[in-house]
Amino acid sequence: MTTPAPDDRSPAELSGDAAPDLEALQQRFERSLLGGERKFTRIEVSERAGISIERAERMWHALGFATVPDDEVAFTDADVEALRLVVALEDDGFIDPAIESSLARKLGQTQSRLASWQSAMFLEFLGQSKLPVDEAIEVADLLLPAMERLQTYAWRRHLAAAAGRAMAGSDELARGIRAVGFADIVSYTRLTRRLTEAELGELIERFEGTAADVVALNGGRVIKSIGDEVLFVTDTAAQGAAVALALQDAVAAVGDLPELRIGLAYGTILIRLGDVYGETVNIAARLTAECRPGRVLADREMAAALDGHDDYRLRRLRRVSVRGYHHLIPYALQRADD
C-alpha cells in the first residue's frame, strides 16, 4: 500500500475557503474596464493609430491623464481604436483639427466628474453591504455594462432633444440669443465651516437635485454646477423668469435649504463644447453677486424682453457699479400677482 503524497494546501484551501487571488481579480476587472489587456507603450499606440507621438500625447493630456513613461506598457487595443476614430472623424470633416484638444479636454472633464461620482457611489455601496473584495469586484464587473447602457441612453435622449430644439428654433435662437441664470447659495463659505463633510455633501446634493428638477421642468438646461452655484440657460426670457422664480419657491418650500441669490441676463451667448461664454453670462454673474437673498435680479435686456408679459412684474432699481460694468441697471423680478 502506497503512502499518499503530502498535501501542501492550507487548511483554508482544503476546506474550500481559500483566500481569493485579489491581484488576479483586479487585473480581470481592469481588463473589463479598459476593454482589454495593457499591451502597448505610448510610442507603439501612436504608431498603430497612425498619428505622431506629439499629437497622441497632446490628446492624452487634454483628456486629463498624466504623462506615461516611454517604456511603460499602459495602453490597450481600445486606445488605438479611439485614436483612429478621431483621425477618421477629422478626415471626414466632422471635427475641426483646431478644436481637437478642446474637444478632448471637455470630454475628459465631463467623464472624469461622472467617473468620480460613480466610484464614490460604489464605494459607499461596498461600505454598507460589507461584501468581501472578490465579491465586490464581481458585482462591479456585472454593473459596468448596465451603467454603460444607461449613459448611452441618456446621451442619445439629450442629443435628440438638442437636435429638435435646433431644427425648430427661431431666428433669435439661431443667433445664439438665450436667457442665462446663476443661482447661488447664500453664505456658502460660512456653511462649509459649520457643517461636517457628510452634511455638506448632502446639502450640495439636495441643492443640485432641486435645481436640476426645477430647471428641466420649466424648459431650461443646467450647463454646470460648481459647488454652491448652478448655471442654467433657457431659450426664451419667459422660461428664464419661470425657472428663477420656481427655484426660489422650491427652496422656500423645502425650508431647510439656504436661501438663493439669482441673477438673470438675456442676450447673445457663445455656446462652445457644452459651455456658455460672453457678456450676457458675465452680467448674469455680476447681478447674482448684487442680489439680495431670496430675490431675483434681471438685466435691462431681460426686462425689455419681459415687458408686457402678463405673468411677471419688473421694478427698476438704482444702477450699480460692478467689476467690468460701471453703470449696470438691475431690475427686481417678481410674479405679477405677488
Protein backbone atom coordinates (compact mmCIF):
# COMPACT_ATOMS: atom_id res chain seq x y z
CA MET A 1 0.00 0.00 0.00
CA THR A 2 1.48 3.34 -1.09
CA THR A 3 1.60 6.35 1.19
CA PRO A 4 -0.29 9.38 -0.21
CA ALA A 5 1.89 12.37 -1.06
CA PRO A 6 1.66 15.19 1.47
CA ASP A 7 -0.85 17.94 0.59
CA ASP A 8 0.76 21.39 0.79
CA ARG A 9 -2.54 23.27 0.74
CA SER A 10 -3.51 25.32 3.75
CA PRO A 11 -6.45 24.31 5.98
CA ALA A 12 -8.49 27.12 4.42
CA GLU A 13 -7.78 25.78 0.91
CA LEU A 14 -8.57 22.22 1.95
CA SER A 15 -11.91 23.34 3.35
CA GLY A 16 -12.78 25.23 0.18
CA ASP A 17 -12.42 28.66 1.81
CA ALA A 18 -9.14 29.69 0.16
CA ALA A 19 -8.38 33.38 0.12
CA PRO A 20 -9.12 34.85 -3.32
CA ASP A 21 -6.31 35.94 -5.62
CA LEU A 22 -7.05 39.66 -5.32
CA GLU A 23 -4.42 40.70 -7.83
CA ALA A 24 -5.87 38.39 -10.48
CA LEU A 25 -9.38 39.66 -9.73
CA GLN A 26 -8.30 43.27 -10.00
CA GLN A 27 -6.49 42.60 -13.28
CA ARG A 28 -9.60 40.95 -14.69
CA PHE A 29 -11.74 43.90 -13.61
CA GLU A 30 -9.27 46.34 -15.13
CA ARG A 31 -9.36 44.43 -18.44
CA SER A 32 -13.13 44.73 -18.37
CA LEU A 33 -12.95 48.49 -17.76
CA LEU A 34 -10.22 49.20 -20.30
CA GLY A 35 -11.57 46.90 -23.00
CA GLY A 36 -8.60 44.53 -22.97
CA GLU A 37 -5.10 43.97 -21.65
CA ARG A 38 -2.41 46.63 -21.46
CA LYS A 39 -0.01 45.70 -24.24
CA PHE A 40 1.37 48.89 -25.85
CA THR A 41 3.71 51.71 -24.86
CA ARG A 42 2.77 55.28 -25.78
CA ILE A 43 5.08 55.15 -28.80
CA GLU A 44 3.58 51.88 -30.01
CA VAL A 45 -0.01 53.07 -29.60
CA SER A 46 0.63 56.23 -31.66
CA GLU A 47 2.35 54.19 -34.39
CA ARG A 48 -0.57 51.77 -34.62
CA ALA A 49 -3.06 54.63 -34.74
CA GLY A 50 -1.08 56.35 -37.48
CA ILE A 51 -0.53 59.67 -35.68
CA SER A 52 2.52 61.39 -34.26
CA ILE A 53 3.60 60.76 -30.68
CA GLU A 54 3.28 64.52 -30.04
CA ARG A 55 -0.33 64.56 -31.16
CA ALA A 56 -1.21 61.44 -29.18
CA GLU A 57 0.46 62.91 -26.09
CA ARG A 58 -1.42 66.19 -26.55
CA MET A 59 -4.77 64.37 -26.65
CA TRP A 60 -3.82 62.21 -23.65
CA HIS A 61 -3.06 65.31 -21.59
CA ALA A 62 -6.24 67.05 -22.80
CA LEU A 63 -8.26 64.07 -21.58
CA GLY A 64 -6.82 64.72 -18.13
CA PHE A 65 -4.20 61.98 -17.78
CA ALA A 66 -0.59 62.26 -16.65
CA THR A 67 2.40 61.54 -18.89
CA VAL A 68 3.23 57.84 -19.23
CA PRO A 69 6.93 56.84 -19.33
CA ASP A 70 8.22 55.68 -22.71
CA ASP A 71 8.85 52.10 -21.55
CA GLU A 72 5.60 51.60 -19.62
CA VAL A 73 3.07 49.20 -21.14
CA ALA A 74 -0.10 51.14 -20.38
CA PHE A 75 -2.35 51.11 -23.46
CA THR A 76 -4.83 48.68 -24.98
CA ASP A 77 -6.41 47.98 -28.35
CA ALA A 78 -9.25 50.29 -27.29
CA ASP A 79 -6.79 53.21 -27.01
CA VAL A 80 -5.56 52.53 -30.55
CA GLU A 81 -9.14 52.38 -31.83
CA ALA A 82 -10.06 55.67 -30.11
CA LEU A 83 -7.15 57.50 -31.75
CA ARG A 84 -8.00 56.03 -35.14
CA LEU A 85 -11.60 57.16 -34.69
CA VAL A 86 -10.52 60.76 -34.02
CA VAL A 87 -8.39 60.70 -37.19
CA ALA A 88 -11.31 59.32 -39.21
CA LEU A 89 -13.71 62.00 -37.91
CA GLU A 90 -11.22 64.72 -38.82
CA ASP A 91 -10.67 63.24 -42.28
CA ASP A 92 -14.45 63.30 -42.81
CA GLY A 93 -14.55 66.98 -41.81
CA PHE A 94 -16.69 66.37 -38.73
CA ILE A 95 -14.03 67.53 -36.24
CA ASP A 96 -12.03 70.69 -36.87
CA PRO A 97 -8.36 69.91 -36.11
CA ALA A 98 -8.11 73.31 -34.43
CA ILE A 99 -10.51 72.22 -31.66
CA GLU A 100 -9.25 68.66 -31.28
CA SER A 101 -7.59 69.34 -27.91
CA SER A 102 -10.54 71.41 -26.68
CA LEU A 103 -12.94 68.61 -27.55
CA ALA A 104 -10.77 66.05 -25.76
CA ARG A 105 -10.50 68.34 -22.74
CA LYS A 106 -14.25 68.79 -22.47
CA LEU A 107 -14.90 65.07 -22.87
CA GLY A 108 -12.24 64.29 -20.29
CA GLN A 109 -13.61 66.76 -17.75
CA THR A 110 -17.18 65.55 -18.19
CA GLN A 111 -16.31 61.88 -17.95
CA SER A 112 -13.92 62.46 -15.05
CA ARG A 113 -16.69 64.03 -12.96
CA LEU A 114 -19.05 61.20 -13.87
CA ALA A 115 -16.46 58.54 -13.02
CA SER A 116 -15.62 60.20 -9.69
CA TRP A 117 -19.28 60.25 -8.72
CA GLN A 118 -19.83 56.64 -9.77
CA SER A 119 -16.76 55.35 -7.94
CA ALA A 120 -17.77 57.21 -4.78
CA MET A 121 -21.28 55.79 -5.06
CA PHE A 122 -19.89 52.27 -5.49
CA LEU A 123 -17.53 52.64 -2.51
CA GLU A 124 -20.46 53.79 -0.39
CA PHE A 125 -22.40 50.73 -1.52
CA LEU A 126 -19.47 48.49 -0.56
CA GLY A 127 -19.23 50.09 2.87
CA GLN A 128 -22.89 49.42 3.53
CA SER A 129 -23.00 45.89 2.09
CA LYS A 130 -19.70 44.75 3.67
CA LEU A 131 -19.01 42.42 0.75
CA PRO A 132 -15.62 40.69 0.54
CA VAL A 133 -13.28 42.26 -2.01
CA ASP A 134 -13.57 39.42 -4.51
CA GLU A 135 -17.37 39.54 -4.43
CA ALA A 136 -17.30 43.35 -4.70
CA ILE A 137 -15.21 43.14 -7.88
CA GLU A 138 -17.64 40.54 -9.24
CA VAL A 139 -20.55 42.93 -8.59
CA ALA A 140 -18.70 45.85 -10.19
CA ASP A 141 -17.94 43.71 -13.23
CA LEU A 142 -21.65 43.00 -13.61
CA LEU A 143 -22.68 46.62 -13.06
CA LEU A 144 -20.38 48.05 -15.71
CA PRO A 145 -22.45 47.08 -18.80
CA ALA A 146 -25.63 48.35 -17.13
CA MET A 147 -24.07 51.73 -16.33
CA GLU A 148 -22.70 51.97 -19.85
CA ARG A 149 -26.14 51.35 -21.35
CA LEU A 150 -27.72 53.97 -19.09
CA GLN A 151 -25.11 56.56 -20.06
CA THR A 152 -25.65 55.85 -23.76
CA TYR A 153 -29.41 56.10 -23.29
CA ALA A 154 -29.19 59.48 -21.52
CA TRP A 155 -26.75 60.82 -24.12
CA ARG A 156 -29.00 59.83 -27.02
CA ARG A 157 -32.08 61.37 -25.39
CA HIS A 158 -30.26 64.65 -24.77
CA LEU A 159 -28.87 64.60 -28.30
CA ALA A 160 -32.37 64.11 -29.73
CA ALA A 161 -33.73 66.96 -27.60
CA ALA A 162 -30.91 69.30 -28.64
CA ALA A 163 -31.38 68.45 -32.32
CA GLY A 164 -35.12 69.05 -32.00
CA ARG A 165 -34.56 72.48 -30.43
CA ALA A 166 -32.07 73.41 -33.15
CA MET A 167 -34.37 72.43 -36.02
CA ALA A 168 -37.43 74.11 -34.50
CA GLY A 169 -35.54 77.18 -33.31
CA SER A 170 -36.47 80.78 -34.01
CA ASP A 171 -34.24 83.41 -35.56
CA GLU A 172 -33.17 84.55 -32.09
CA LEU A 173 -32.09 81.02 -31.17
CA ALA A 174 -30.18 80.73 -34.43
CA ARG A 175 -28.27 83.88 -33.50
CA GLY A 176 -27.42 82.45 -30.08
CA ILE A 177 -29.79 84.62 -28.03
CA ARG A 178 -30.69 82.97 -24.74
CA ALA A 179 -31.60 83.74 -21.15
CA VAL A 180 -28.77 82.92 -18.74
CA GLY A 181 -29.16 82.46 -15.00
CA PHE A 182 -26.93 81.89 -11.99
CA ALA A 183 -28.38 80.50 -8.75
CA ASP A 184 -26.02 80.93 -5.82
CA ILE A 185 -26.29 79.62 -2.24
CA VAL A 186 -26.18 82.45 0.32
CA SER A 187 -23.37 82.31 2.93
CA TYR A 188 -21.87 79.15 1.46
CA THR A 189 -18.39 79.82 2.89
CA ARG A 190 -19.80 80.07 6.40
CA LEU A 191 -21.73 76.84 5.87
CA THR A 192 -18.57 74.97 4.87
CA ARG A 193 -17.03 75.88 8.23
CA ARG A 194 -20.07 74.85 10.25
CA LEU A 195 -21.14 71.60 8.56
CA THR A 196 -19.40 68.25 8.56
CA GLU A 197 -18.24 66.84 5.22
CA ALA A 198 -21.19 64.44 5.16
CA GLU A 199 -23.68 67.22 5.93
CA LEU A 200 -22.13 69.50 3.31
CA GLY A 201 -22.27 66.72 0.73
CA GLU A 202 -25.93 66.10 1.48
CA LEU A 203 -26.68 69.83 1.21
CA ILE A 204 -24.98 70.14 -2.18
CA GLU A 205 -26.72 67.01 -3.45
CA ARG A 206 -30.14 68.33 -2.46
CA PHE A 207 -29.44 71.78 -3.89
CA GLU A 208 -28.20 70.41 -7.22
CA GLY A 209 -31.08 67.91 -7.38
CA THR A 210 -33.69 70.58 -6.68
CA ALA A 211 -32.13 72.95 -9.22
CA ALA A 212 -31.90 70.26 -11.91
CA ASP A 213 -35.56 69.28 -11.44
CA VAL A 214 -36.85 72.86 -11.49
CA VAL A 215 -34.75 73.89 -14.49
CA ALA A 216 -35.82 70.86 -16.54
CA LEU A 217 -39.49 71.22 -15.56
CA ASN A 218 -39.53 74.81 -16.84
CA GLY A 219 -37.83 74.13 -20.15
CA GLY A 220 -34.25 75.08 -19.25
CA ARG A 221 -30.92 73.26 -19.21
CA VAL A 222 -28.30 73.13 -16.49
CA ILE A 223 -24.94 73.98 -18.02
CA LYS A 224 -22.86 73.18 -14.94
CA SER A 225 -22.88 73.02 -11.17
CA ILE A 226 -19.93 74.44 -9.22
CA GLY A 227 -20.45 73.59 -5.58
CA ASP A 228 -22.63 76.43 -4.34
CA GLU A 229 -23.71 77.66 -7.77
CA VAL A 230 -25.75 76.42 -10.73
CA LEU A 231 -25.54 77.96 -14.20
CA PHE A 232 -28.57 77.42 -16.45
CA VAL A 233 -29.86 78.66 -19.81
CA THR A 234 -33.29 78.83 -21.41
CA ASP A 235 -34.39 79.55 -24.96
CA THR A 236 -36.71 82.42 -24.02
CA ALA A 237 -36.80 85.20 -21.47
CA ALA A 238 -40.13 83.95 -20.10
CA GLN A 239 -38.65 80.49 -19.48
CA GLY A 240 -35.69 82.09 -17.69
CA ALA A 241 -38.02 84.05 -15.41
CA ALA A 242 -40.09 80.94 -14.74
CA VAL A 243 -37.00 78.93 -13.76
CA ALA A 244 -35.65 81.64 -11.45
CA LEU A 245 -38.90 82.21 -9.56
CA ALA A 246 -39.69 78.49 -9.37
CA LEU A 247 -36.23 77.88 -7.90
CA GLN A 248 -36.85 80.43 -5.15
CA ASP A 249 -40.26 78.86 -4.48
CA ALA A 250 -38.79 75.34 -4.31
CA VAL A 251 -36.07 76.34 -1.84
CA ALA A 252 -38.56 78.22 0.32
CA ALA A 253 -40.92 75.22 0.31
CA VAL A 254 -38.19 72.83 1.44
CA GLY A 255 -37.41 75.08 4.37
CA ASP A 256 -34.04 73.68 5.41
CA LEU A 257 -32.04 74.67 2.33
CA PRO A 258 -30.14 78.00 2.43
CA GLU A 259 -31.61 80.96 0.56
CA LEU A 260 -30.55 81.64 -3.02
CA ARG A 261 -29.48 84.69 -4.96
CA ILE A 262 -30.38 84.52 -8.65
CA GLY A 263 -29.20 86.75 -11.48
CA LEU A 264 -30.69 86.70 -14.99
CA ALA A 265 -29.49 88.23 -18.24
CA TYR A 266 -30.77 87.98 -21.79
CA GLY A 267 -28.76 88.29 -24.98
CA THR A 268 -26.25 86.70 -27.29
CA ILE A 269 -24.04 83.94 -25.90
CA LEU A 270 -21.33 81.74 -27.34
CA ILE A 271 -22.14 78.05 -26.92
CA ARG A 272 -18.93 76.06 -27.20
CA LEU A 273 -18.39 72.40 -26.31
CA GLY A 274 -21.31 72.38 -23.91
CA ASP A 275 -20.35 75.57 -22.04
CA VAL A 276 -21.51 79.17 -22.48
CA TYR A 277 -19.49 82.37 -22.72
CA GLY A 278 -19.93 86.06 -23.41
CA GLU A 279 -21.10 89.33 -21.93
CA THR A 280 -24.58 88.02 -21.16
CA VAL A 281 -23.07 85.30 -18.96
CA ASN A 282 -20.83 87.85 -17.22
CA ILE A 283 -23.75 90.20 -16.49
CA ALA A 284 -25.84 87.37 -15.01
CA ALA A 285 -22.94 86.51 -12.71
CA ARG A 286 -22.49 90.16 -11.61
CA LEU A 287 -26.22 90.51 -10.89
CA THR A 288 -26.14 87.37 -8.76
CA ALA A 289 -23.44 88.90 -6.57
CA GLU A 290 -25.56 92.08 -6.15
CA CYS A 291 -28.81 90.25 -5.43
CA ARG A 292 -30.45 90.09 -2.01
CA PRO A 293 -31.12 86.61 -0.54
CA GLY A 294 -34.37 85.09 -1.76
CA ARG A 295 -34.71 87.51 -4.69
CA VAL A 296 -34.15 87.56 -8.45
CA LEU A 297 -32.38 90.34 -10.37
CA ALA A 298 -32.59 90.77 -14.15
CA ASP A 299 -30.68 92.96 -16.57
CA ARG A 300 -32.15 95.62 -18.85
CA GLU A 301 -32.39 93.29 -21.87
CA MET A 302 -34.23 90.70 -19.80
CA ALA A 303 -36.61 93.37 -18.53
CA ALA A 304 -37.26 94.58 -22.07
CA ALA A 305 -37.95 91.05 -23.32
CA LEU A 306 -40.49 90.55 -20.50
CA ASP A 307 -42.11 93.95 -20.92
CA GLY A 308 -45.86 93.48 -21.32
CA HIS A 309 -45.79 89.86 -20.18
CA ASP A 310 -48.86 89.22 -18.03
CA ASP A 311 -47.12 86.86 -15.59
CA TYR A 312 -44.20 89.00 -14.50
CA ARG A 313 -43.52 92.38 -12.98
CA LEU A 314 -40.15 94.15 -13.03
CA ARG A 315 -39.09 97.11 -10.92
CA ARG A 316 -36.09 99.17 -11.92
CA LEU A 317 -33.52 99.62 -9.15
CA ARG A 318 -30.67 102.03 -8.62
CA ARG A 319 -27.79 101.47 -11.02
CA VAL A 320 -24.75 99.72 -9.61
CA SER A 321 -21.05 99.69 -10.35
CA VAL A 322 -19.54 96.20 -10.54
CA ARG A 323 -16.37 94.75 -11.98
CA GLY A 324 -16.39 95.43 -15.71
CA TYR A 325 -19.72 97.32 -15.66
CA HIS A 326 -19.86 100.76 -14.05
CA HIS A 327 -23.47 101.56 -14.99
CA LEU A 328 -25.34 98.28 -14.66
CA ILE A 329 -29.08 98.73 -14.20
CA PRO A 330 -30.71 95.83 -12.30
CA TYR A 331 -34.43 95.04 -12.25
CA ALA A 332 -36.16 93.17 -9.43
CA LEU A 333 -38.23 90.33 -10.93
CA GLN A 334 -41.48 89.17 -9.32
CA ARG A 335 -44.65 87.45 -10.38
CA ALA A 336 -47.40 89.84 -11.36
CA ASP A 337 -49.68 88.67 -8.53
CA ASP A 338 -47.03 88.91 -5.77
